[in-house]
Protein backbone atom coordinates (compact mmCIF):
# COMPACT_ATOMS: atom_id res chain seq x y z
CA MET A 1 139.29 10.92 26.62
CA ASN A 2 139.27 12.73 29.91
CA GLU A 3 136.05 14.46 28.88
CA VAL A 4 134.39 11.07 28.22
CA GLN A 5 135.52 9.78 31.61
CA GLU A 6 134.26 12.96 33.18
CA TYR A 7 130.68 12.43 31.85
CA ARG A 8 130.67 8.66 32.19
CA ILE A 9 129.40 8.62 35.75
CA PRO A 10 126.46 11.01 35.12
CA ILE A 11 125.56 9.04 32.01
CA LEU A 12 125.60 5.78 33.97
CA ILE A 13 123.49 7.33 36.68
CA GLY A 14 120.99 8.52 34.04
CA VAL A 15 120.85 5.11 32.44
CA VAL A 16 120.34 3.41 35.80
CA ALA A 17 117.62 5.91 36.70
CA LEU A 18 115.91 5.24 33.38
CA ILE A 19 116.08 1.51 33.94
CA VAL A 20 114.70 1.91 37.48
CA ALA A 21 111.88 4.07 36.13
CA ILE A 22 111.01 1.48 33.48
CA ILE A 23 111.06 -1.29 36.07
CA ALA A 24 108.88 0.79 38.44
CA TYR A 25 106.40 1.50 35.63
CA VAL A 26 106.20 -2.13 34.62
CA ALA A 27 106.06 -3.42 38.19
CA PHE A 28 103.84 -0.84 39.84
CA ILE A 29 102.44 1.98 37.74
CA ALA A 30 101.09 -0.10 34.81
CA PRO A 31 99.21 -2.61 37.05
CA GLU A 32 97.76 0.21 39.09
CA GLY A 33 96.62 1.90 35.92
CA SER A 34 94.96 -1.34 34.81
CA LYS A 35 93.28 -1.62 38.20
CA LEU A 36 92.07 1.97 37.89
CA SER A 37 90.56 1.21 34.49
CA THR A 38 88.84 -1.84 35.96
CA LEU A 39 87.52 0.23 38.87
CA ASP A 40 86.25 2.87 36.44
CA ALA A 41 84.37 0.18 34.51
CA GLN A 42 82.93 -1.25 37.70
CA GLN A 43 81.86 2.23 38.84
CA THR A 44 80.08 2.77 35.48
CA ALA A 45 78.29 -0.59 35.87
CA LEU A 46 77.29 0.20 39.44
CA GLN A 47 75.92 3.59 38.41
CA ALA A 48 73.80 1.89 35.74
CA GLN A 49 72.54 -0.63 38.29
CA GLN A 50 71.77 2.19 40.70
CA ALA A 51 69.74 3.97 38.01
CA GLN A 52 67.79 0.75 37.32
CA LEU A 53 67.15 0.19 41.02
CA GLN A 54 66.02 3.80 41.42
CA ALA A 55 63.55 3.39 38.56
CA ARG A 56 62.33 0.13 40.07
CA LEU A 57 61.92 1.83 43.45
CA VAL A 58 59.77 4.56 41.86
CA SER A 59 57.68 1.87 40.16
CA LEU A 60 57.25 -0.03 43.45
CA ARG A 61 56.13 3.14 45.21
CA ASP A 62 53.53 3.71 42.53
CA GLU A 63 52.32 0.12 42.93
CA GLN A 64 52.22 0.59 46.71
CA GLN A 65 49.94 3.61 46.26
CA LYS A 66 47.63 1.60 43.99
CA LEU A 67 47.63 -1.39 46.35
CA PRO A 68 44.57 -0.38 48.43
CA SER A 69 42.36 0.16 45.38
CA ASP A 70 43.70 -3.01 43.68
CA CYS A 71 42.96 -5.06 46.82
CA ALA A 72 39.49 -3.54 47.07
CA ASN A 73 38.79 -4.60 43.47
CA LEU A 74 40.18 -8.06 44.22
CA THR A 75 37.90 -8.36 47.25
CA LYS A 76 34.93 -7.51 45.06
CA ILE A 77 35.98 -10.10 42.50
CA THR A 78 36.50 -12.82 45.11
CA THR A 79 33.00 -12.07 46.42
CA GLN A 80 31.57 -12.54 42.94
CA ILE A 81 33.76 -15.57 42.21
CA PRO A 82 34.73 -17.21 45.54
CA SER A 83 37.36 -19.89 46.06
CA THR A 84 34.76 -22.64 46.75
CA PRO A 85 31.43 -23.53 45.13
CA ASP A 86 29.50 -22.17 48.16
CA GLN A 87 26.12 -23.15 46.79
CA ALA A 88 24.57 -22.57 50.23
CA GLY A 89 25.77 -18.96 50.19
CA PHE A 90 24.34 -18.41 46.74
CA GLN A 91 21.02 -19.94 47.74
CA LEU A 92 20.84 -17.67 50.81
CA GLN A 93 21.45 -14.59 48.62
CA LEU A 94 18.81 -15.76 46.16
CA THR A 95 16.29 -16.44 48.94
CA THR A 96 16.91 -12.97 50.42
CA LEU A 97 16.20 -11.41 47.01
CA GLU A 98 13.06 -13.50 46.56
CA GLN A 99 11.74 -12.43 49.96
CA ARG A 100 12.55 -8.77 49.34
CA THR A 101 10.79 -8.66 45.94
CA GLY A 102 7.86 -10.90 46.91
CA VAL A 103 8.28 -13.53 44.18
CA VAL A 104 7.47 -17.15 45.01
CA PRO A 105 10.27 -19.64 44.25
CA SER A 106 9.28 -23.02 42.78
CA VAL A 107 12.45 -24.52 41.30
CA LEU A 108 16.16 -24.28 42.12
CA SER A 109 18.53 -26.86 40.70
CA TYR A 110 22.28 -27.20 40.26
CA GLY A 111 24.42 -29.24 37.91
CA GLY A 112 23.79 -30.68 34.50
CA THR A 113 25.24 -29.22 31.36
CA THR A 114 25.62 -25.48 30.94
CA THR A 115 23.10 -23.82 28.68
CA THR A 116 24.37 -22.81 25.28
CA PRO A 117 25.37 -19.15 25.74
CA THR A 118 24.02 -16.36 23.59
CA PRO A 119 26.28 -15.13 20.75
CA GLY A 120 29.06 -12.89 22.00
CA THR A 121 29.21 -14.43 25.48
CA PRO A 122 32.92 -14.81 26.47
CA ALA A 123 34.27 -18.26 27.30
CA THR A 124 34.96 -19.23 30.91
CA PRO A 125 38.55 -18.23 31.80
CA ALA A 126 41.09 -20.90 32.70
CA GLY A 127 41.09 -21.77 36.39
CA VAL A 128 37.43 -20.80 36.80
CA THR A 129 34.77 -23.49 37.21
CA ALA A 130 31.17 -22.96 36.17
CA ILE A 131 28.22 -24.47 38.06
CA PRO A 132 24.96 -24.58 36.05
CA VAL A 133 22.01 -23.15 38.00
CA SER A 134 18.34 -23.09 37.04
CA THR A 135 15.64 -21.33 38.98
CA THR A 136 11.92 -20.52 38.50
CA VAL A 137 9.95 -17.88 40.33
CA THR A 138 6.36 -16.65 40.00
CA GLY A 139 4.58 -13.44 40.90
CA THR A 140 3.12 -10.23 39.55
CA TYR A 141 4.73 -8.26 36.75
CA GLY A 142 6.10 -5.74 39.25
CA GLN A 143 7.53 -8.47 41.49
CA ILE A 144 9.25 -10.21 38.55
CA SER A 145 10.67 -6.87 37.33
CA ALA A 146 12.05 -6.13 40.81
CA PHE A 147 13.55 -9.63 41.01
CA VAL A 148 15.33 -9.24 37.67
CA GLY A 149 16.58 -5.81 38.71
CA GLY A 150 17.91 -7.27 41.95
CA LEU A 151 19.91 -9.88 40.02
CA ASP A 152 21.76 -7.07 38.28
CA GLY A 153 23.34 -6.01 41.59
CA PHE A 154 23.66 -9.53 42.98
CA PRO A 155 26.73 -10.12 45.24
CA ARG A 156 27.49 -13.44 43.60
CA LEU A 157 28.15 -13.44 39.88
CA TYR A 158 25.24 -15.18 38.19
CA VAL A 159 25.51 -15.17 34.39
CA ILE A 160 22.14 -15.84 32.75
CA GLN A 161 22.41 -17.78 29.49
CA SER A 162 18.68 -18.14 28.81
CA PHE A 163 15.36 -17.08 30.30
CA THR A 164 11.69 -17.81 29.78
CA LEU A 165 8.94 -15.46 30.90
CA VAL A 166 5.47 -16.91 30.84
CA LEU A 167 2.13 -15.24 31.49
CA GLY A 168 -0.87 -17.38 32.41
CA ALA A 169 0.80 -20.79 32.19
CA SER A 170 1.14 -20.98 35.96
CA GLY A 171 -2.59 -21.50 36.43
CA ASN A 172 -4.26 -18.11 36.15
CA GLY A 173 -5.94 -18.99 32.84
CA ALA A 174 -4.66 -15.96 30.88
CA ASN A 175 -2.98 -16.16 27.52
CA ALA A 176 0.53 -17.51 27.67
CA ALA A 177 3.46 -15.51 26.35
CA SER A 178 7.14 -16.28 26.61
CA THR A 179 10.54 -15.21 25.32
CA SER A 180 13.99 -16.78 25.54
CA SER A 181 17.43 -15.33 24.97
CA SER A 182 18.65 -18.70 23.64
CA SER A 183 16.44 -18.39 20.58
CA GLY A 184 17.58 -16.28 17.67
CA SER A 185 14.05 -15.66 16.29
CA SER A 186 11.19 -15.92 18.77
CA THR A 187 7.64 -16.50 17.55
CA ALA A 188 6.17 -16.07 21.04
CA THR A 189 3.23 -13.75 21.63
CA PRO A 190 4.35 -10.32 22.97
CA LEU A 191 3.61 -9.59 26.61
CA TRP A 192 1.75 -6.48 25.58
CA VAL A 193 0.75 -4.93 22.27
CA GLY A 194 0.84 -1.32 21.12
CA GLY A 195 3.40 -0.12 23.66
CA THR A 196 0.96 -0.02 26.55
CA PRO A 197 2.91 -0.64 29.80
CA THR A 198 1.88 -3.65 31.85
CA ASN A 199 0.22 -2.93 35.17
CA PRO A 200 2.77 -3.90 37.86
CA SER A 201 0.02 -5.67 39.86
CA THR A 202 -0.86 -7.99 36.99
CA PRO A 203 -0.53 -11.55 38.39
CA GLY A 204 0.31 -14.84 36.72
CA TYR A 205 3.90 -14.34 35.59
CA SER A 206 6.44 -17.15 35.77
CA LEU A 207 10.15 -16.57 35.11
CA THR A 208 12.62 -19.39 34.50
CA LEU A 209 16.33 -18.60 34.41
CA ALA A 210 19.17 -20.86 33.32
CA GLY A 211 22.74 -19.77 33.85
CA SER A 212 25.90 -20.36 35.84
CA ILE A 213 27.68 -19.32 39.00
CA TYR A 214 31.46 -19.61 39.25
CA TYR A 215 34.27 -20.33 41.64
CA SER A 216 38.07 -20.42 41.41
CA ALA A 217 40.56 -22.03 43.78
CA ASP A 218 43.08 -19.29 42.79
CA ALA A 219 40.87 -16.66 44.47
CA ALA A 220 42.00 -17.66 47.97
CA THR A 221 45.70 -17.48 47.00
CA ALA A 222 45.31 -14.09 45.36
CA ASP A 223 43.36 -12.71 48.32
CA ALA A 224 45.97 -14.00 50.80
CA SER A 225 48.80 -12.47 48.74
CA CYS A 226 47.01 -9.13 48.65
CA GLN A 227 46.48 -9.13 52.39
CA LYS A 228 50.14 -10.03 52.96
CA ALA A 229 51.33 -7.26 50.64
CA THR A 230 49.01 -4.77 52.31
CA ALA A 231 50.32 -5.68 55.74
CA ALA A 232 53.93 -5.36 54.57
CA ALA A 233 53.24 -1.98 53.01
CA THR A 234 51.53 -0.75 56.18
CA ALA A 235 54.43 -1.91 58.31
CA ALA A 236 56.97 -0.25 56.02
CA THR A 237 55.03 3.03 56.16
CA ALA A 238 54.74 2.93 59.96
CA ALA A 239 58.43 2.05 60.53
CA PRO A 240 60.59 5.05 61.60
CA ALA A 241 63.06 6.28 59.03
CA ARG A 242 66.66 5.24 59.66
CA GLY A 243 69.43 7.80 59.49
């Protein structure tokens, strides 16, 4: 009995210490462990987000490097397809080409219905408006050839849907010959026979073109956005790095 009484106090102290430890674990250690697990999960999520942001930053830097060439291409496109009809601008370009090649203009008309395109011609994209244009010029074979070649590098996009080339019908009294891209099988007389090239100074040719020019109101918005992005990229490059 004395031995039990002798160890009773240490046993009670041990029991109390165990109870205190359990209470401390429940009240403090377990919640902190839960918080630690939550923080670990948040850290993992933040690391994943950081990796995504880093990949996006690399992609944006690549896009920034391509921005000058992309804007240059956009400027070329907006020159070919402006944001307004600008028929006066097209007529000035056409007149300049006519004067440079020596052809004599006789007809220039806008509007009407677009000519039926040749097979394989793509449809007009959404947001782009077509303006039918017809023009007729006369001159020598060399002048007409130079005029057609000039249209190939024309600043404004002019898609030709049909053409008619006539020799002699303009009043020179020679035999008439014509061809048209809108006809699947032409029965017109060839302009020359046997592969003999036509003398460039041969007069009496008349060329009639029917096609379309285009404009898009979205061109102005795209160009403004490109200029804004270019300015922002330039400012970001010129800004001093922060420590």
